[in-house]
């Protein structure tokens, strides 16, 4: 190592073609560096999650997995889109992240040649749930870390409120090997407690470790106000229709942020694959934001943007946790005929104080996990 700083090697879902995935990795890296340590993102991209192969992985979980013909049709349509999206996000990662010099494509490669570090850290996002074609991936539980090295987890997530029963014993054993455990959701605290482990703390998602002023440094230009922003990750025609009607009733134009080309034909004026600066600027300057994304919700709260949250099915525990923490659960849409959010504006004063307090607490926990 080039200096005497402690080096922290972080494994996280940094290479998913998703703004939240890149920015949470960037935020954790920046927070660790701010303490005087050296943060490195382990460039671990499983073959079945590589953007060249992701269509093959996803088709197996889709309704297109009926026969050889439907699979070929799905892949011929989706592969070019995922490859284009993957190349763009690869550029974003290279610009923002300090990735390891070695690219790892399997857990075995990591075990045979782990990156040199003083401390190994499981980062945030859905690292402890199903990954690619597997129920869990031991690499995200640091099963490659050399014996005797410190192992910590910061704001890790299962993504759901429960795990597959067949994996529980293995997960318990993996978690027991950590020196320090922190998770992102209150549901994850409960899940780990039920596994018989009580030494776990809840902390903020890394994107909330940086305040709006820090994120604004990545914005090159402010988008002009006068729009409702739609940031949608999950296919939901009801959400599309609601956003269109909401914008009409509010007397504003509807703008859709999307990294997926096929969604440019859906409701709203599409902004396709915006760069990081534009992504953040559109959220910061929106009059209203409608989203089903956890990180979309987190950035709306951080920028004090009026938002409406549509819970995304089985992964809704992520959104619920941050809304409960900030006292903003009343921003969940329960009825697609409810447009009262146009008039019922959020007073962010309490949420801002809560986030500020939790930010100090979370940063202190992260620093102590590394130092002690």
Protein backbone atom coordinates (compact mmCIF):
# COMPACT_ATOMS: atom_id res chain seq x y z
CA UNK A 1 0.00 0.00 0.00
CA UNK A 2 1.20 3.47 -0.90
CA UNK A 3 0.79 5.11 2.52
CA UNK A 4 -0.03 4.38 6.13
CA UNK A 5 -3.77 4.91 5.82
CA UNK A 6 -5.97 1.95 6.59
CA UNK A 7 -7.38 0.50 3.41
CA UNK A 8 -11.04 -0.56 3.40
CA UNK A 9 -12.10 -2.89 0.57
CA UNK A 10 -15.85 -2.62 -0.07
CA UNK A 11 -17.97 -5.20 -1.83
CA UNK A 12 -21.38 -3.96 -2.89
CA UNK A 13 -23.81 -3.97 -5.83
CA UNK A 14 -21.94 -1.15 -7.58
CA UNK A 15 -22.25 -2.50 -11.12
CA UNK A 16 -26.02 -2.77 -11.46
CA UNK A 17 -27.14 -0.37 -14.22
CA UNK A 18 -29.02 1.80 -11.77
CA UNK A 19 -28.36 5.30 -10.45
CA UNK A 20 -28.91 4.31 -6.84
CA UNK A 21 -26.41 1.44 -7.09
CA UNK A 22 -23.61 3.68 -8.35
CA UNK A 23 -24.37 6.58 -6.03
CA UNK A 24 -24.64 4.53 -2.83
CA UNK A 25 -21.20 3.05 -3.59
CA UNK A 26 -19.81 6.52 -4.28
CA UNK A 27 -21.29 7.90 -1.04
CA UNK A 28 -19.84 5.13 1.15
CA UNK A 29 -16.47 5.51 -0.53
CA UNK A 30 -16.55 9.28 0.05
CA UNK A 31 -17.60 8.92 3.71
CA UNK A 32 -14.77 6.47 4.45
CA UNK A 33 -12.22 8.66 2.67
CA UNK A 34 -13.40 11.66 4.72
CA UNK A 35 -12.21 9.86 7.87
CA UNK A 36 -8.69 9.65 6.46
CA UNK A 37 -8.92 6.04 5.30
CA UNK A 38 -8.55 4.68 1.77
CA UNK A 39 -11.74 3.19 0.34
CA UNK A 40 -11.66 0.84 -2.63
CA UNK A 41 -14.69 -0.71 -4.34
CA UNK A 42 -14.00 -4.35 -5.17
CA UNK A 43 -14.82 -4.66 -8.87
CA UNK A 44 -16.86 -7.82 -8.46
CA UNK A 45 -19.28 -8.44 -11.32
CA UNK A 46 -20.64 -11.95 -11.55
CA UNK A 47 -20.87 -13.38 -15.05
CA UNK A 48 -24.64 -13.72 -14.76
CA UNK A 49 -24.91 -10.03 -13.77
CA UNK A 50 -22.54 -8.69 -16.41
CA UNK A 51 -24.48 -6.41 -18.74
CA UNK A 52 -23.55 -8.61 -21.69
CA UNK A 53 -25.28 -11.58 -20.02
CA UNK A 54 -28.04 -10.04 -17.91
CA UNK A 55 -30.77 -10.73 -20.50
CA UNK A 56 -29.94 -14.45 -20.28
CA UNK A 57 -30.28 -14.29 -16.50
CA UNK A 58 -33.51 -12.30 -16.47
CA UNK A 59 -35.34 -14.31 -19.11
CA UNK A 60 -35.25 -17.34 -16.80
CA UNK A 61 -37.28 -15.39 -14.24
CA UNK A 62 -39.75 -13.91 -16.73
CA UNK A 63 -42.96 -14.97 -18.45
CA UNK A 64 -40.91 -15.27 -21.65
CA UNK A 65 -39.23 -18.42 -20.33
CA UNK A 66 -41.82 -20.67 -22.02
CA UNK A 67 -39.83 -22.19 -24.85
CA UNK A 68 -36.76 -21.62 -27.03
CA UNK A 69 -38.58 -19.27 -29.39
CA UNK A 70 -39.93 -16.91 -26.72
CA UNK A 71 -36.51 -16.83 -25.04
CA UNK A 72 -34.85 -15.88 -28.34
CA UNK A 73 -37.40 -13.11 -28.91
CA UNK A 74 -36.91 -11.73 -25.38
CA UNK A 75 -33.12 -11.72 -25.66
CA UNK A 76 -33.09 -10.20 -29.14
CA UNK A 77 -35.18 -7.30 -27.82
CA UNK A 78 -33.60 -6.85 -24.39
CA UNK A 79 -29.90 -7.62 -24.92
CA UNK A 80 -29.11 -4.50 -27.01
CA UNK A 81 -30.89 -2.31 -24.45
CA UNK A 82 -29.02 -3.80 -21.48
CA UNK A 83 -25.68 -3.59 -23.28
CA UNK A 84 -26.22 0.09 -24.17
CA UNK A 85 -27.30 0.85 -20.60
CA UNK A 86 -24.41 -1.17 -19.16
CA UNK A 87 -21.79 0.70 -21.18
CA UNK A 88 -23.16 4.06 -20.06
CA UNK A 89 -23.18 3.10 -16.36
CA UNK A 90 -19.69 1.64 -16.73
CA UNK A 91 -18.53 5.16 -17.71
CA UNK A 92 -20.27 6.61 -14.63
CA UNK A 93 -18.52 4.08 -12.38
CA UNK A 94 -15.09 4.79 -13.83
CA UNK A 95 -15.61 8.49 -13.21
CA UNK A 96 -16.92 8.25 -9.63
CA UNK A 97 -15.57 5.07 -8.08
CA UNK A 98 -12.13 3.94 -6.97
CA UNK A 99 -12.47 0.38 -8.25
CA UNK A 100 -9.96 -2.38 -7.59
CA UNK A 101 -7.37 -2.98 -10.30
CA UNK A 102 -8.61 -6.55 -10.67
CA UNK A 103 -12.05 -7.41 -12.06
CA UNK A 104 -13.54 -10.45 -10.32
CA UNK A 105 -16.27 -12.50 -12.02
CA UNK A 106 -16.82 -15.24 -9.44
CA UNK A 107 -16.61 -15.89 -5.72
CA UNK A 108 -13.87 -18.47 -6.41
CA UNK A 109 -11.71 -15.82 -8.07
CA UNK A 110 -12.09 -13.62 -4.98
CA UNK A 111 -11.12 -16.49 -2.68
CA UNK A 112 -8.03 -17.33 -4.72
CA UNK A 113 -6.81 -13.76 -5.06
CA UNK A 114 -8.55 -11.38 -2.63
CA UNK A 115 -7.68 -7.68 -2.87
CA UNK A 116 -5.19 -6.53 -0.25
CA UNK A 117 -6.80 -4.50 2.52
CA UNK A 118 -6.75 -3.91 6.26
CA UNK A 119 -10.53 -4.14 6.58
CA UNK A 120 -13.17 -5.80 4.41
CA UNK A 121 -16.61 -4.23 4.26
CA UNK A 122 -19.94 -5.39 2.90
CA UNK A 123 -21.53 -2.23 1.56
CA UNK A 124 -25.15 -1.31 1.17
CA UNK A 125 -28.02 -2.18 -1.16
CA UNK A 126 -29.53 -5.64 -1.66
CA UNK A 127 -26.36 -7.63 -1.03
CA UNK A 128 -27.72 -10.38 1.20
CA UNK A 129 -30.71 -11.45 -0.88
CA UNK A 130 -30.97 -13.36 -4.15
CA UNK A 131 -28.15 -12.44 -6.54
CA UNK A 132 -28.34 -13.30 -10.21
CA UNK A 133 -29.18 -16.98 -10.51
CA UNK A 134 -28.36 -17.79 -6.86
CA UNK A 135 -30.37 -17.48 -3.65
CA UNK A 136 -27.39 -15.84 -1.91
CA UNK A 137 -23.77 -15.19 -2.80
CA UNK A 138 -21.13 -15.85 -0.14
CA UNK A 139 -18.87 -13.18 -1.64
CA UNK A 140 -21.24 -10.49 -0.37
CA UNK A 141 -20.84 -12.03 3.10
CA UNK A 142 -17.04 -11.62 2.79
CA UNK A 143 -16.32 -15.36 2.66
CA UNK A 144 -13.15 -14.51 0.70
CA UNK A 145 -11.59 -12.24 3.34
CA UNK A 146 -8.23 -13.58 4.58
CA UNK A 147 -8.30 -15.20 7.99
CA UNK A 148 -7.70 -12.74 10.82
CA UNK A 149 -8.76 -9.67 8.84
CA UNK A 150 -11.50 -7.43 10.19
CA UNK A 151 -14.93 -7.82 8.58
CA UNK A 152 -17.67 -5.21 8.84
CA UNK A 153 -21.02 -4.47 7.17
CA UNK A 154 -22.39 -0.99 6.56
CA UNK A 155 -26.12 -0.53 5.80
CA UNK A 156 -26.41 -3.97 4.23
CA UNK A 157 -29.84 -5.06 3.04
CA UNK A 158 -31.72 -8.27 2.33
CA UNK A 159 -34.20 -6.36 0.19
CA UNK A 160 -37.12 -8.28 1.73
CA UNK A 161 -38.55 -8.94 5.17
CA UNK A 162 -37.58 -12.62 5.15
CA UNK A 163 -35.05 -15.02 3.62
CA UNK A 164 -35.45 -18.40 2.01
CA UNK A 165 -35.66 -20.92 4.86
CA UNK A 166 -33.12 -23.18 3.16
CA UNK A 167 -30.51 -20.40 3.43
CA UNK A 168 -31.09 -19.32 7.01
CA UNK A 169 -28.45 -21.53 8.63
CA UNK A 170 -25.83 -20.54 6.06
CA UNK A 171 -26.71 -16.85 6.47
CA UNK A 172 -26.47 -17.17 10.26
CA UNK A 173 -22.99 -18.69 9.96
CA UNK A 174 -21.86 -16.01 7.54
CA UNK A 175 -23.15 -13.18 9.75
CA UNK A 176 -21.53 -14.67 12.85
CA UNK A 177 -18.13 -14.22 11.20
CA UNK A 178 -18.43 -10.42 11.11
CA UNK A 179 -16.73 -8.20 13.67
CA UNK A 180 -19.39 -5.48 13.29
CA UNK A 181 -22.83 -5.54 11.69
CA UNK A 182 -25.01 -2.65 10.59
CA UNK A 183 -28.03 -2.80 8.28
CA UNK A 184 -30.22 -0.35 6.39
CA UNK A 185 -33.77 -1.43 7.26
CA UNK A 186 -35.48 -2.04 10.59
CA UNK A 187 -36.83 -5.26 9.04
CA UNK A 188 -33.22 -6.44 8.59
CA UNK A 189 -32.54 -5.83 12.29
CA UNK A 190 -35.53 -8.03 13.15
CA UNK A 191 -34.50 -10.70 10.68
CA UNK A 192 -30.96 -10.92 12.09
CA UNK A 193 -32.29 -10.91 15.66
CA UNK A 194 -34.51 -13.87 14.74
CA UNK A 195 -31.40 -15.67 13.53
CA UNK A 196 -30.06 -15.40 17.08
CA UNK A 197 -27.69 -12.46 16.53
CA UNK A 198 -28.40 -9.33 18.57
CA UNK A 199 -25.25 -7.29 17.87
CA UNK A 200 -26.61 -5.32 14.94
CA UNK A 201 -27.41 -1.61 14.46
CA UNK A 202 -29.57 0.20 11.96
CA UNK A 203 -27.87 3.02 10.05
CA UNK A 204 -28.66 5.34 7.15
CA UNK A 205 -28.28 4.36 3.53
CA UNK A 206 -24.92 5.73 2.29
CA UNK A 207 -26.65 8.26 0.01
CA UNK A 208 -27.98 9.97 3.14
CA UNK A 209 -24.52 10.25 4.69
CA UNK A 210 -23.93 13.12 2.26
CA UNK A 211 -26.17 16.16 2.65
CA UNK A 212 -27.83 18.06 -0.22
CA UNK A 213 -24.87 20.47 -0.43
CA UNK A 214 -22.46 17.60 -1.06
CA UNK A 215 -24.70 16.08 -3.73
CA UNK A 216 -25.18 19.48 -5.35
CA UNK A 217 -21.43 19.57 -6.04
CA UNK A 218 -22.03 16.87 -8.68
CA UNK A 219 -24.67 19.02 -10.41
CA UNK A 220 -23.30 21.08 -13.31
CA UNK A 221 -26.50 23.03 -13.98
CA UNK A 222 -29.91 23.36 -12.34
CA UNK A 223 -32.90 22.20 -14.36
CA UNK A 224 -35.59 24.88 -14.69
CA UNK A 225 -38.58 24.18 -12.44
CA UNK A 226 -42.16 23.62 -13.63
CA UNK A 227 -42.50 19.84 -13.88
CA UNK A 228 -43.59 16.66 -12.16
CA UNK A 229 -40.80 14.10 -12.20
CA UNK A 230 -41.56 10.40 -12.67
CA UNK A 231 -38.77 8.02 -11.68
CA UNK A 232 -40.12 4.50 -12.02
CA UNK A 233 -38.22 1.23 -11.70
CA UNK A 234 -41.05 -1.30 -11.85
CA UNK A 235 -43.56 -1.84 -14.62
CA UNK A 236 -46.89 -0.46 -13.38
CA UNK A 237 -49.50 0.92 -15.83
CA UNK A 238 -51.52 2.34 -12.91
CA UNK A 239 -48.49 4.38 -11.87
CA UNK A 240 -48.08 5.68 -15.43
CA UNK A 241 -51.71 6.78 -15.61
CA UNK A 242 -51.62 8.34 -12.15
CA UNK A 243 -48.50 10.37 -12.95
CA UNK A 244 -50.03 11.68 -16.17
CA UNK A 245 -53.25 12.73 -14.45
CA UNK A 246 -51.35 14.17 -11.45
CA UNK A 247 -49.29 16.41 -13.75
CA UNK A 248 -52.44 17.55 -15.59
CA UNK A 249 -54.22 18.42 -12.34
CA UNK A 250 -51.12 20.23 -11.05
CA UNK A 251 -50.84 22.19 -14.32
CA UNK A 252 -47.28 21.01 -14.88
CA UNK A 253 -45.47 19.02 -17.54
CA UNK A 254 -44.54 15.41 -16.79
CA UNK A 255 -40.91 14.34 -17.20
CA UNK A 256 -39.88 10.69 -17.00
CA UNK A 257 -36.30 9.75 -16.09
CA UNK A 258 -35.44 6.34 -17.52
CA UNK A 259 -32.34 4.29 -18.31
CA UNK A 260 -34.60 1.91 -20.30
CA UNK A 261 -35.19 2.80 -23.93
CA UNK A 262 -38.56 1.05 -24.24
CA UNK A 263 -39.99 3.34 -21.55
CA UNK A 264 -39.49 6.48 -23.61
CA UNK A 265 -42.80 5.68 -25.29
CA UNK A 266 -44.72 5.70 -21.99
CA UNK A 267 -46.35 8.68 -20.27
CA UNK A 268 -44.38 11.89 -19.92
CA UNK A 269 -41.51 13.50 -21.80
CA UNK A 270 -38.68 11.00 -21.53
CA UNK A 271 -35.16 11.89 -20.47
CA UNK A 272 -33.25 8.79 -21.55
CA UNK A 273 -30.10 7.72 -19.68
CA UNK A 274 -29.35 11.11 -18.11
CA UNK A 275 -25.86 11.59 -16.72
CA UNK A 276 -25.32 11.72 -12.97
CA UNK A 277 -25.44 15.52 -12.88
CA UNK A 278 -28.78 15.64 -14.71
CA UNK A 279 -30.24 12.78 -12.67
CA UNK A 280 -29.58 14.65 -9.43
CA UNK A 281 -30.62 18.02 -10.86
CA UNK A 282 -33.99 16.71 -12.08
CA UNK A 283 -34.76 15.42 -8.58
CA UNK A 284 -33.50 18.54 -6.80
CA UNK A 285 -35.54 20.94 -8.94
CA UNK A 286 -38.79 19.02 -9.44
CA UNK A 287 -42.00 20.62 -8.17
CA UNK A 288 -43.18 17.07 -7.36
CA UNK A 289 -41.61 13.65 -7.73
CA UNK A 290 -43.52 10.39 -8.13
CA UNK A 291 -41.38 7.32 -7.53
CA UNK A 292 -41.32 3.66 -6.55
CA UNK A 293 -37.55 3.72 -6.04
CA UNK A 294 -35.90 3.57 -2.63
CA UNK A 295 -33.04 5.79 -3.72
CA UNK A 296 -35.45 8.07 -5.55
CA UNK A 297 -37.26 8.48 -2.23
CA UNK A 298 -33.98 9.04 -0.35
CA UNK A 299 -32.82 11.76 -2.75
CA UNK A 300 -36.24 13.46 -2.67
CA UNK A 301 -36.02 13.61 1.13
CA UNK A 302 -32.42 14.84 1.03
CA UNK A 303 -33.24 17.59 -1.49
CA UNK A 304 -36.57 18.42 0.22
CA UNK A 305 -38.47 17.72 -2.98
CA UNK A 306 -42.23 17.19 -2.65
CA UNK A 307 -42.76 13.51 -3.43
CA UNK A 308 -45.33 10.74 -3.65
CA UNK A 309 -44.16 7.19 -2.95
CA UNK A 310 -45.68 4.15 -4.64
CA UNK A 311 -44.55 1.06 -2.77
CA UNK A 312 -42.86 -1.49 -5.06
CA UNK A 313 -44.41 -4.84 -4.13
CA UNK A 314 -42.20 -7.40 -2.42
CA UNK A 315 -39.24 -5.01 -2.02
CA UNK A 316 -41.35 -2.28 -0.39
CA UNK A 317 -39.70 -2.79 3.02
CA UNK A 318 -36.82 -0.56 1.82
CA UNK A 319 -39.10 2.38 1.10
CA UNK A 320 -41.20 1.79 4.20
CA UNK A 321 -38.16 1.88 6.47
CA UNK A 322 -36.91 5.30 5.36
CA UNK A 323 -40.44 6.75 5.39
CA UNK A 324 -41.04 5.49 8.93
CA UNK A 325 -37.67 6.82 10.06
CA UNK A 326 -38.38 10.31 8.74
CA UNK A 327 -42.05 10.45 9.73
CA UNK A 328 -43.12 10.75 6.09
CA UNK A 329 -45.16 7.58 5.73
CA UNK A 330 -48.20 9.66 4.81
CA UNK A 331 -46.54 10.26 1.42
CA UNK A 332 -47.38 6.69 0.39
CA UNK A 333 -50.07 6.54 -2.29
CA UNK A 334 -52.86 4.18 -1.24
CA UNK A 335 -55.48 5.17 -3.82
CA UNK A 336 -54.83 5.98 -7.48
CA UNK A 337 -57.69 8.49 -7.29
CA UNK A 338 -55.96 10.49 -4.54
CA UNK A 339 -54.45 13.73 -5.81
CA UNK A 340 -54.49 15.53 -2.46
CA UNK A 341 -50.68 15.57 -2.46
CA UNK A 342 -50.82 18.52 -4.86
CA UNK A 343 -52.12 20.73 -2.05
CA UNK A 344 -50.79 18.83 0.97
CA UNK A 345 -47.16 19.92 0.95
CA UNK A 346 -44.46 18.39 3.13
CA UNK A 347 -42.97 20.40 5.95
CA UNK A 348 -39.49 18.87 5.94
CA UNK A 349 -38.29 20.46 9.20
CA UNK A 350 -38.75 17.34 11.37
CA UNK A 351 -37.50 14.97 8.67
CA UNK A 352 -34.42 17.15 8.15
CA UNK A 353 -33.63 17.11 11.86
CA UNK A 354 -34.11 13.35 12.03
CA UNK A 355 -31.81 12.76 9.06
CA UNK A 356 -29.22 15.17 10.48
CA UNK A 357 -29.22 13.33 13.81
CA UNK A 358 -29.10 9.91 12.16
CA UNK A 359 -26.32 11.08 9.83
CA UNK A 360 -24.10 11.99 12.78
CA UNK A 361 -24.90 8.70 14.49
CA UNK A 362 -24.31 6.63 11.35
CA UNK A 363 -21.02 8.34 10.50
CA UNK A 364 -19.79 7.81 14.04
CA UNK A 365 -20.70 4.11 13.90
CA UNK A 366 -18.95 3.71 10.54
CA UNK A 367 -15.81 5.43 11.81
CA UNK A 368 -15.75 3.38 15.01
CA UNK A 369 -16.20 0.11 13.09
CA UNK A 370 -13.07 0.91 11.08
CA UNK A 371 -10.93 2.39 13.86
CA UNK A 372 -11.62 0.03 16.77
